[in-house]
């Protein structure tokens, strides 16, 4: 828990916590701390709880999909950020998936 400028506590989650209990957070505004990685699609990426080691298999990491297209920021890989936004469900070729639609991103 952190205090925001108004003095209220906010719950800061890890990508692992969100992925493990996504149903509890869909449709809600959440705050997640983690490391950002780009995907091939502009404005898309994913967040992990730890830095992905070079040459490591991505299957060893829980990855929270991220849509940051609405945020004007240049993100760097291997940097820890705080992401705030709404967790949504969207249709994908393999069924439904969750995506954090970022509204605010700042370095931690």
C-alpha atoms as a PDB file:
ATOM      1  CA  UNK A   1       0.000   0.000   0.000  1.00  0.00           C
ATOM      2  CA  UNK A   2       1.174   3.487  -0.846  1.00  0.00           C
ATOM      3  CA  UNK A   3      -0.204   6.882   0.018  1.00  0.00           C
ATOM      4  CA  UNK A   4      -1.185   9.039  -2.920  1.00  0.00           C
ATOM      5  CA  UNK A   5      -0.939  12.866  -2.786  1.00  0.00           C
ATOM      6  CA  UNK A   6      -4.418  13.135  -1.253  1.00  0.00           C
ATOM      7  CA  UNK A   7      -3.335  10.857   1.593  1.00  0.00           C
ATOM      8  CA  UNK A   8      -5.446   7.886   0.522  1.00  0.00           C
ATOM      9  CA  UNK A   9      -3.858   4.437   0.359  1.00  0.00           C
ATOM     10  CA  UNK A  10      -3.612   2.773  -3.041  1.00  0.00           C
ATOM     11  CA  UNK A  11      -2.971  -0.895  -3.642  1.00  0.00           C
ATOM     12  CA  UNK A  12       0.019  -1.501  -5.930  1.00  0.00           C
ATOM     13  CA  UNK A  13      -0.049  -4.937  -7.558  1.00  0.00           C
ATOM     14  CA  UNK A  14       2.574  -7.009  -9.329  1.00  0.00           C
ATOM     15  CA  UNK A  15       1.901  -8.386 -12.825  1.00  0.00           C
ATOM     16  CA  UNK A  16       1.929 -11.883 -11.263  1.00  0.00           C
ATOM     17  CA  UNK A  17      -0.846 -10.917  -8.826  1.00  0.00           C
ATOM     18  CA  UNK A  18      -2.980  -9.483 -11.637  1.00  0.00           C
ATOM     19  CA  UNK A  19      -2.487 -12.507 -13.894  1.00  0.00           C
ATOM     20  CA  UNK A  20      -3.272 -14.934 -11.044  1.00  0.00           C
ATOM     21  CA  UNK A  21      -6.502 -13.150 -10.042  1.00  0.00           C
ATOM     22  CA  UNK A  22      -7.467 -11.253 -13.184  1.00  0.00           C
ATOM     23  CA  UNK A  23     -11.198 -11.825 -12.671  1.00  0.00           C
ATOM     24  CA  UNK A  24     -11.061  -9.743  -9.506  1.00  0.00           C
ATOM     25  CA  UNK A  25      -9.643  -6.752 -11.377  1.00  0.00           C
ATOM     26  CA  UNK A  26     -11.379  -6.744 -14.800  1.00  0.00           C
ATOM     27  CA  UNK A  27     -13.220  -3.462 -15.317  1.00  0.00           C
ATOM     28  CA  UNK A  28     -11.394  -1.797 -12.432  1.00  0.00           C
ATOM     29  CA  UNK A  29      -8.702   0.858 -12.301  1.00  0.00           C
ATOM     30  CA  UNK A  30      -5.543  -0.723 -10.907  1.00  0.00           C
ATOM     31  CA  UNK A  31      -1.908   0.217 -10.292  1.00  0.00           C
ATOM     32  CA  UNK A  32       0.866  -2.196 -11.271  1.00  0.00           C
ATOM     33  CA  UNK A  33       4.640  -1.978 -10.730  1.00  0.00           C
ATOM     34  CA  UNK A  34       6.792  -3.870 -13.186  1.00  0.00           C
ATOM     35  CA  UNK A  35       9.212  -3.969 -16.084  1.00  0.00           C
ATOM     36  CA  UNK A  36       8.091  -3.006 -19.574  1.00  0.00           C
ATOM     37  CA  UNK A  37       8.828  -4.902 -22.794  1.00  0.00           C
ATOM     38  CA  UNK A  38       7.826  -3.919 -26.352  1.00  0.00           C
ATOM     39  CA  UNK A  39       5.795  -6.042 -28.718  1.00  0.00           C
ATOM     40  CA  UNK A  40       5.760  -5.757 -32.487  1.00  0.00           C
ATOM     41  CA  UNK A  41       2.500  -3.765 -32.465  1.00  0.00           C
ATOM     42  CA  UNK A  42       2.783  -0.027 -31.845  1.00  0.00           C
ATOM     43  CA  UNK A  43       1.330   1.005 -28.517  1.00  0.00           C
ATOM     44  CA  UNK A  44       1.408  -2.545 -27.171  1.00  0.00           C
ATOM     45  CA  UNK A  45       3.761  -4.380 -24.854  1.00  0.00           C
ATOM     46  CA  UNK A  46       3.725  -6.362 -21.672  1.00  0.00           C
ATOM     47  CA  UNK A  47       4.734  -5.989 -18.026  1.00  0.00           C
ATOM     48  CA  UNK A  48       6.702  -8.527 -15.976  1.00  0.00           C
ATOM     49  CA  UNK A  49       7.563  -8.658 -12.266  1.00  0.00           C
ATOM     50  CA  UNK A  50      11.272  -9.086 -12.970  1.00  0.00           C
ATOM     51  CA  UNK A  51      13.798  -8.308 -15.690  1.00  0.00           C
ATOM     52  CA  UNK A  52      13.831 -10.951 -18.413  1.00  0.00           C
ATOM     53  CA  UNK A  53      17.331 -12.342 -18.684  1.00  0.00           C
ATOM     54  CA  UNK A  54      18.848 -12.313 -22.167  1.00  0.00           C
ATOM     55  CA  UNK A  55      18.238 -15.635 -23.905  1.00  0.00           C
ATOM     56  CA  UNK A  56      15.587 -16.712 -21.377  1.00  0.00           C
ATOM     57  CA  UNK A  57      12.355 -18.287 -22.539  1.00  0.00           C
ATOM     58  CA  UNK A  58       9.365 -15.959 -22.205  1.00  0.00           C
ATOM     59  CA  UNK A  59       7.277 -18.923 -21.050  1.00  0.00           C
ATOM     60  CA  UNK A  60       9.135 -18.728 -17.714  1.00  0.00           C
ATOM     61  CA  UNK A  61       7.588 -15.306 -17.020  1.00  0.00           C
ATOM     62  CA  UNK A  62       4.036 -14.189 -16.338  1.00  0.00           C
ATOM     63  CA  UNK A  63       3.367 -11.331 -18.759  1.00  0.00           C
ATOM     64  CA  UNK A  64       0.583  -8.801 -18.291  1.00  0.00           C
ATOM     65  CA  UNK A  65      -0.414  -7.421 -21.720  1.00  0.00           C
ATOM     66  CA  UNK A  66      -0.315  -3.616 -21.900  1.00  0.00           C
ATOM     67  CA  UNK A  67      -1.945  -1.071 -24.205  1.00  0.00           C
ATOM     68  CA  UNK A  68      -0.123   2.221 -23.713  1.00  0.00           C
ATOM     69  CA  UNK A  69      -1.273   3.847 -26.970  1.00  0.00           C
ATOM     70  CA  UNK A  70      -3.195   6.533 -25.051  1.00  0.00           C
ATOM     71  CA  UNK A  71      -0.169   7.664 -23.019  1.00  0.00           C
ATOM     72  CA  UNK A  72       2.393  10.044 -24.483  1.00  0.00           C
ATOM     73  CA  UNK A  73       5.594   8.508 -23.118  1.00  0.00           C
ATOM     74  CA  UNK A  74       8.700   6.863 -24.508  1.00  0.00           C
ATOM     75  CA  UNK A  75       9.214   3.623 -22.582  1.00  0.00           C
ATOM     76  CA  UNK A  76      12.536   1.847 -22.170  1.00  0.00           C
ATOM     77  CA  UNK A  77      12.972  -1.867 -21.589  1.00  0.00           C
ATOM     78  CA  UNK A  78      14.535  -3.122 -18.323  1.00  0.00           C
ATOM     79  CA  UNK A  79      13.252  -0.052 -16.457  1.00  0.00           C
ATOM     80  CA  UNK A  80      10.749  -0.398 -13.611  1.00  0.00           C
ATOM     81  CA  UNK A  81       7.574   1.652 -14.063  1.00  0.00           C
ATOM     82  CA  UNK A  82       4.299   2.216 -12.258  1.00  0.00           C
ATOM     83  CA  UNK A  83       1.336   1.671 -14.598  1.00  0.00           C
ATOM     84  CA  UNK A  84      -2.151   2.902 -13.702  1.00  0.00           C
ATOM     85  CA  UNK A  85      -5.151   2.080 -15.849  1.00  0.00           C
ATOM     86  CA  UNK A  86      -8.196  -0.095 -16.408  1.00  0.00           C
ATOM     87  CA  UNK A  87      -7.914  -3.860 -16.818  1.00  0.00           C
ATOM     88  CA  UNK A  88     -10.144  -5.030 -19.676  1.00  0.00           C
ATOM     89  CA  UNK A  89     -10.993  -8.297 -21.377  1.00  0.00           C
ATOM     90  CA  UNK A  90     -10.668  -8.472 -25.138  1.00  0.00           C
ATOM     91  CA  UNK A  91     -11.286 -11.154 -27.727  1.00  0.00           C
ATOM     92  CA  UNK A  92      -8.181 -12.831 -29.110  1.00  0.00           C
ATOM     93  CA  UNK A  93      -7.638 -15.715 -31.514  1.00  0.00           C
ATOM     94  CA  UNK A  94      -7.089 -18.058 -28.560  1.00  0.00           C
ATOM     95  CA  UNK A  95     -10.168 -16.797 -26.665  1.00  0.00           C
ATOM     96  CA  UNK A  96     -10.465 -13.946 -24.209  1.00  0.00           C
ATOM     97  CA  UNK A  97      -7.402 -12.250 -22.810  1.00  0.00           C
ATOM     98  CA  UNK A  98      -6.856  -9.420 -20.362  1.00  0.00           C
ATOM     99  CA  UNK A  99      -5.085  -6.153 -21.158  1.00  0.00           C
ATOM    100  CA  UNK A 100      -4.132  -3.234 -18.927  1.00  0.00           C
ATOM    101  CA  UNK A 101      -5.134  -0.052 -20.763  1.00  0.00           C
ATOM    102  CA  UNK A 102      -2.698   2.476 -19.299  1.00  0.00           C
ATOM    103  CA  UNK A 103      -3.864   5.956 -18.370  1.00  0.00           C
ATOM    104  CA  UNK A 104      -0.701   6.980 -16.523  1.00  0.00           C
ATOM    105  CA  UNK A 105       2.861   5.629 -16.546  1.00  0.00           C
ATOM    106  CA  UNK A 106       5.780   6.841 -14.434  1.00  0.00           C
ATOM    107  CA  UNK A 107       9.227   5.486 -13.556  1.00  0.00           C
ATOM    108  CA  UNK A 108       9.503   3.965 -10.071  1.00  0.00           C
END
